[in-house]
């Protein structure tokens, strides 16, 4: 099996306690019942995962508890509702909030455990290796562990109101990325800002949109808090751009930490997200060709 670890990344262990490893024992699900897991685009920012339980039997199946027991995470991920009933032939998605990652495990195992009851009096707890429907878990591990390593050096947030300004005669949006170092050790290099599904970076030399914009900012863990201003413009002006937006206000920033490189996703706060939607609408209505 190919190792899923990050050999180049110097992980920082944030907690010294033991992780919750997935049990090796497996208790079969009832005949006709299958389990998979996946992550939608709307699940990414809030760090959720969907546990999909399919009832392929001829009778209703009542689920009274469910949890993801994965060695990829430092604790179990619990479904928070008391119960649900799955009709015959139907599938129900049970969302779970993902815990912090455990980046010390090389080959994570993903087990779903669920408690069930059926109309014929059958009940029990099943524990099965879940199908990673979209093969999301390896990429999620890379993202989580990169985020963990960056956060060990600096906390990056977007919470200040964005601004409409003029740059070389062109209207652009300024977004402040606040950097609060931890005071520990190490450094993070912010290489460049990439486009989102809604916004595109601005080249500060021309004031015009570009696929990426260089940042070239190094932040050490011992530095004072600082602000990096991101320059953006609408990347889309069609009617569905905002109405169907899922990740357009999450800023993709290419970073280097230690010997590792990767793309970090920095979400905007709720207030910033709403303000960005308003500015995109305003610029699309007033800019020629918008």
Protein backbone atom coordinates (compact mmCIF):
# COMPACT_ATOMS: atom_id res chain seq x y z
CA UNK A 1 0.00 0.00 0.00
CA UNK A 2 1.35 3.40 -0.96
CA UNK A 3 2.30 5.47 2.06
CA UNK A 4 0.08 8.48 2.56
CA UNK A 5 2.50 10.38 4.77
CA UNK A 6 4.26 13.65 3.97
CA UNK A 7 7.96 12.78 4.06
CA UNK A 8 9.04 16.34 3.27
CA UNK A 9 6.86 18.03 5.85
CA UNK A 10 8.23 18.65 9.32
CA UNK A 11 5.02 18.14 11.23
CA UNK A 12 4.51 19.86 14.54
CA UNK A 13 2.82 17.70 17.14
CA UNK A 14 0.31 19.99 18.82
CA UNK A 15 -0.78 17.55 21.51
CA UNK A 16 1.19 14.87 23.26
CA UNK A 17 -1.75 12.58 24.06
CA UNK A 18 -2.53 9.39 22.23
CA UNK A 19 -4.66 9.47 19.10
CA UNK A 20 -7.88 7.60 18.55
CA UNK A 21 -6.85 4.86 16.13
CA UNK A 22 -9.43 2.98 14.10
CA UNK A 23 -10.14 -0.45 15.58
CA UNK A 24 -9.01 -3.39 13.51
CA UNK A 25 -11.97 -5.56 14.46
CA UNK A 26 -14.93 -5.40 12.09
CA UNK A 27 -18.56 -6.24 12.85
CA UNK A 28 -20.42 -6.73 9.62
CA UNK A 29 -23.28 -4.45 8.69
CA UNK A 30 -26.72 -6.06 8.27
CA UNK A 31 -27.06 -7.84 4.91
CA UNK A 32 -27.96 -5.31 2.22
CA UNK A 33 -26.64 -2.30 4.15
CA UNK A 34 -23.51 -0.52 2.89
CA UNK A 35 -21.51 2.46 4.06
CA UNK A 36 -19.42 5.06 2.24
CA UNK A 37 -18.09 8.52 3.03
CA UNK A 38 -17.53 11.63 0.97
CA UNK A 39 -17.09 15.39 1.25
CA UNK A 40 -19.08 17.96 -0.73
CA UNK A 41 -17.77 21.38 -1.68
CA UNK A 42 -19.94 22.96 1.02
CA UNK A 43 -18.43 20.61 3.62
CA UNK A 44 -14.83 21.73 3.03
CA UNK A 45 -14.75 25.09 4.86
CA UNK A 46 -16.58 23.90 8.02
CA UNK A 47 -14.55 20.64 8.04
CA UNK A 48 -17.41 18.18 7.72
CA UNK A 49 -17.64 14.72 6.19
CA UNK A 50 -20.75 12.84 5.10
CA UNK A 51 -21.27 9.25 6.26
CA UNK A 52 -23.61 7.71 3.69
CA UNK A 53 -25.56 4.65 4.85
CA UNK A 54 -27.50 2.84 2.14
CA UNK A 55 -30.40 0.61 3.13
CA UNK A 56 -30.61 -2.04 0.44
CA UNK A 57 -33.10 -4.15 2.42
CA UNK A 58 -36.89 -4.40 2.15
CA UNK A 59 -37.49 -2.91 5.60
CA UNK A 60 -36.87 0.46 7.26
CA UNK A 61 -33.59 0.76 9.16
CA UNK A 62 -33.34 3.01 12.21
CA UNK A 63 -29.92 4.54 12.92
CA UNK A 64 -29.47 5.56 16.56
CA UNK A 65 -25.82 6.58 16.46
CA UNK A 66 -22.91 6.87 14.04
CA UNK A 67 -19.26 7.85 14.20
CA UNK A 68 -16.12 7.91 12.10
CA UNK A 69 -13.20 6.17 13.82
CA UNK A 70 -10.25 7.13 11.66
CA UNK A 71 -6.58 7.08 12.56
CA UNK A 72 -6.25 10.13 10.29
CA UNK A 73 -7.80 12.21 13.08
CA UNK A 74 -6.98 12.75 16.74
CA UNK A 75 -10.46 11.77 17.96
CA UNK A 76 -13.70 10.17 16.80
CA UNK A 77 -16.07 12.21 14.62
CA UNK A 78 -19.59 11.81 16.03
CA UNK A 79 -22.90 12.26 14.24
CA UNK A 80 -24.74 14.73 16.48
CA UNK A 81 -28.39 13.70 16.05
CA UNK A 82 -30.22 11.08 18.11
CA UNK A 83 -31.69 8.95 15.34
CA UNK A 84 -32.97 8.74 11.78
CA UNK A 85 -34.89 6.12 9.81
CA UNK A 86 -33.72 5.04 6.36
CA UNK A 87 -36.57 3.78 4.12
CA UNK A 88 -36.00 0.62 2.06
CA UNK A 89 -33.78 1.33 -0.94
CA UNK A 90 -32.80 4.80 0.29
CA UNK A 91 -29.52 6.37 1.37
CA UNK A 92 -29.11 8.85 4.22
CA UNK A 93 -26.11 11.16 4.64
CA UNK A 94 -25.02 11.73 8.24
CA UNK A 95 -22.70 14.76 8.60
CA UNK A 96 -19.86 14.60 11.12
CA UNK A 97 -17.54 17.39 12.24
CA UNK A 98 -13.92 16.40 11.68
CA UNK A 99 -11.50 16.63 14.62
CA UNK A 100 -7.93 17.86 14.40
CA UNK A 101 -5.69 15.71 12.19
CA UNK A 102 -3.16 13.22 13.46
CA UNK A 103 -0.19 13.70 11.15
CA UNK A 104 1.95 11.02 12.81
CA UNK A 105 0.10 8.10 11.17
CA UNK A 106 1.50 6.83 7.86
CA UNK A 107 -1.35 4.64 6.60
CA UNK A 108 -4.67 5.83 8.02
CA UNK A 109 -7.59 3.41 8.34
CA UNK A 110 -11.14 4.78 8.10
CA UNK A 111 -13.79 2.85 10.02
CA UNK A 112 -17.46 3.82 10.34
CA UNK A 113 -19.37 2.52 13.34
CA UNK A 114 -23.15 2.81 13.54
CA UNK A 115 -25.91 1.60 15.87
CA UNK A 116 -29.06 0.27 14.21
CA UNK A 117 -32.51 -1.22 14.81
CA UNK A 118 -34.94 -2.84 12.37
CA UNK A 119 -38.66 -3.59 12.48
CA UNK A 120 -38.03 -7.33 12.80
CA UNK A 121 -36.31 -6.78 16.15
CA UNK A 122 -32.73 -6.99 14.87
CA UNK A 123 -30.35 -4.45 16.46
CA UNK A 124 -26.66 -4.01 17.05
CA UNK A 125 -23.56 -1.99 16.30
CA UNK A 126 -21.80 -2.41 12.98
CA UNK A 127 -18.18 -1.46 12.39
CA UNK A 128 -17.01 -1.47 8.79
CA UNK A 129 -14.18 -0.08 6.69
CA UNK A 130 -15.88 2.72 4.77
CA UNK A 131 -15.59 3.26 1.04
CA UNK A 132 -13.94 6.65 0.35
CA UNK A 133 -16.34 7.39 -2.49
CA UNK A 134 -14.46 10.30 -4.08
CA UNK A 135 -10.99 9.30 -2.88
CA UNK A 136 -10.99 12.47 -0.82
CA UNK A 137 -9.17 11.31 2.30
CA UNK A 138 -5.56 11.39 0.98
CA UNK A 139 -5.96 14.97 -0.29
CA UNK A 140 -7.71 15.99 2.92
CA UNK A 141 -4.79 14.61 4.91
CA UNK A 142 -2.31 16.68 2.89
CA UNK A 143 -4.39 19.83 3.37
CA UNK A 144 -4.94 19.24 7.08
CA UNK A 145 -1.30 18.53 7.84
CA UNK A 146 -0.10 21.52 5.83
CA UNK A 147 -2.59 23.68 7.72
CA UNK A 148 -1.37 22.24 11.02
CA UNK A 149 2.25 23.05 10.19
CA UNK A 150 1.39 26.61 9.10
CA UNK A 151 -0.76 27.21 12.18
CA UNK A 152 2.15 26.15 14.39
CA UNK A 153 3.99 29.21 13.04
CA UNK A 154 1.28 31.78 12.28
CA UNK A 155 -2.50 32.16 12.47
CA UNK A 156 -3.92 33.58 9.20
CA UNK A 157 -7.41 35.10 9.20
CA UNK A 158 -9.61 37.27 6.99
CA UNK A 159 -12.04 39.24 9.13
CA UNK A 160 -11.64 42.94 8.26
CA UNK A 161 -14.14 44.59 5.88
CA UNK A 162 -12.93 44.49 2.24
CA UNK A 163 -12.55 47.79 0.40
CA UNK A 164 -13.14 49.07 -3.12
CA UNK A 165 -10.18 51.18 -4.28
CA UNK A 166 -8.65 52.48 -7.51
CA UNK A 167 -5.34 51.03 -8.70
CA UNK A 168 -3.75 52.58 -11.79
CA UNK A 169 -7.18 53.68 -12.93
CA UNK A 170 -8.86 50.30 -12.35
CA UNK A 171 -11.36 49.48 -9.59
CA UNK A 172 -10.11 46.63 -7.40
CA UNK A 173 -11.02 45.00 -4.10
CA UNK A 174 -8.59 45.04 -1.18
CA UNK A 175 -8.81 42.18 1.33
CA UNK A 176 -6.66 42.15 4.45
CA UNK A 177 -5.02 38.88 5.46
CA UNK A 178 -4.08 39.19 9.13
CA UNK A 179 -1.02 37.24 10.30
CA UNK A 180 -0.53 36.63 14.02
CA UNK A 181 2.68 34.65 14.66
CA UNK A 182 2.78 32.09 17.47
CA UNK A 183 6.02 33.27 19.03
CA UNK A 184 7.48 29.80 18.64
CA UNK A 185 9.91 28.65 15.97
CA UNK A 186 10.01 28.36 12.20
CA UNK A 187 8.69 30.46 9.34
CA UNK A 188 6.08 30.38 6.59
CA UNK A 189 6.53 31.84 3.11
CA UNK A 190 3.41 33.11 1.35
CA UNK A 191 4.40 32.62 -2.29
CA UNK A 192 1.36 33.63 -4.32
CA UNK A 193 -2.39 34.13 -4.37
CA UNK A 194 -4.43 32.08 -6.85
CA UNK A 195 -7.89 32.59 -8.34
CA UNK A 196 -11.10 31.39 -6.72
CA UNK A 197 -14.33 30.45 -8.46
CA UNK A 198 -15.53 34.03 -7.92
CA UNK A 199 -12.45 36.25 -7.64
CA UNK A 200 -9.22 36.68 -9.56
CA UNK A 201 -5.96 38.24 -8.32
CA UNK A 202 -4.77 41.62 -9.55
CA UNK A 203 -1.24 42.27 -10.79
CA UNK A 204 -0.16 45.27 -8.70
CA UNK A 205 2.16 46.44 -11.48
CA UNK A 206 -0.67 46.84 -14.00
CA UNK A 207 -3.92 46.86 -11.98
CA UNK A 208 -5.22 44.13 -14.28
CA UNK A 209 -6.45 40.59 -13.48
CA UNK A 210 -3.94 37.74 -13.60
CA UNK A 211 -4.19 33.97 -12.94
CA UNK A 212 -1.96 34.38 -9.88
CA UNK A 213 -0.36 37.25 -8.01
CA UNK A 214 3.02 37.01 -6.31
CA UNK A 215 3.06 37.75 -2.57
CA UNK A 216 6.63 36.94 -1.57
CA UNK A 217 6.00 37.40 2.15
CA UNK A 218 7.96 35.53 4.84
CA UNK A 219 6.45 35.32 8.30
CA UNK A 220 8.53 34.00 11.19
CA UNK A 221 6.97 32.64 14.35
CA UNK A 222 8.71 35.38 16.35
CA UNK A 223 7.54 38.30 14.19
CA UNK A 224 5.04 40.94 15.29
CA UNK A 225 1.46 40.70 13.96
CA UNK A 226 1.12 42.06 10.43
CA UNK A 227 -1.31 42.51 7.55
CA UNK A 228 -0.89 41.31 3.96
CA UNK A 229 -3.26 43.10 1.57
CA UNK A 230 -4.68 40.94 -1.23
CA UNK A 231 -5.77 42.66 -4.44
CA UNK A 232 -8.75 41.09 -6.23
CA UNK A 233 -11.37 41.65 -8.91
CA UNK A 234 -14.49 39.74 -9.97
CA UNK A 235 -13.61 36.62 -11.93
CA UNK A 236 -17.22 36.04 -12.93
CA UNK A 237 -20.17 38.32 -13.50
CA UNK A 238 -22.81 35.83 -14.67
CA UNK A 239 -26.05 35.71 -12.62
CA UNK A 240 -25.13 32.39 -10.99
CA UNK A 241 -21.69 33.50 -9.77
CA UNK A 242 -22.89 34.52 -6.32
CA UNK A 243 -26.14 32.57 -6.09
CA UNK A 244 -24.33 29.26 -6.50
CA UNK A 245 -21.05 30.19 -4.85
CA UNK A 246 -19.49 27.62 -2.50
CA UNK A 247 -15.78 28.49 -2.28
CA UNK A 248 -15.40 31.83 -4.03
CA UNK A 249 -14.41 33.73 -0.88
CA UNK A 250 -11.92 31.14 0.40
CA UNK A 251 -8.48 32.45 -0.54
CA UNK A 252 -6.06 29.90 -2.06
CA UNK A 253 -2.51 30.81 -1.10
CA UNK A 254 0.55 28.82 -2.14
CA UNK A 255 2.83 28.48 0.86
CA UNK A 256 6.12 26.97 1.97
CA UNK A 257 6.74 25.76 5.50
CA UNK A 258 9.91 23.89 6.29
CA UNK A 259 10.65 21.77 3.23
CA UNK A 260 7.00 21.40 2.22
CA UNK A 261 4.97 23.36 -0.30
CA UNK A 262 1.25 23.34 -0.85
CA UNK A 263 -1.90 25.39 -1.27
CA UNK A 264 -3.51 26.72 1.87
CA UNK A 265 -7.21 27.67 1.87
CA UNK A 266 -7.94 30.67 4.10
CA UNK A 267 -11.69 31.22 4.59
CA UNK A 268 -13.24 34.67 4.87
CA UNK A 269 -15.40 35.40 7.90
CA UNK A 270 -19.17 35.50 7.40
CA UNK A 271 -19.17 39.29 7.40
CA UNK A 272 -16.34 39.47 4.86
CA UNK A 273 -18.05 36.91 2.64
CA UNK A 274 -21.23 38.99 2.49
CA UNK A 275 -19.28 42.19 1.83
CA UNK A 276 -17.32 40.51 -0.98
CA UNK A 277 -20.55 39.39 -2.64
CA UNK A 278 -21.80 42.99 -2.49
CA UNK A 279 -18.58 44.37 -3.97
CA UNK A 280 -18.54 41.80 -6.77
CA UNK A 281 -22.14 42.72 -7.62
CA UNK A 282 -21.26 46.44 -7.57
CA UNK A 283 -18.16 46.08 -9.74
CA UNK A 284 -19.90 43.80 -12.22
CA UNK A 285 -22.68 46.36 -12.61
CA UNK A 286 -20.37 49.35 -13.07
CA UNK A 287 -17.38 47.94 -14.91
CA UNK A 288 -17.53 47.85 -18.73
CA UNK A 289 -17.92 44.27 -19.91
CA UNK A 290 -19.09 43.21 -16.41
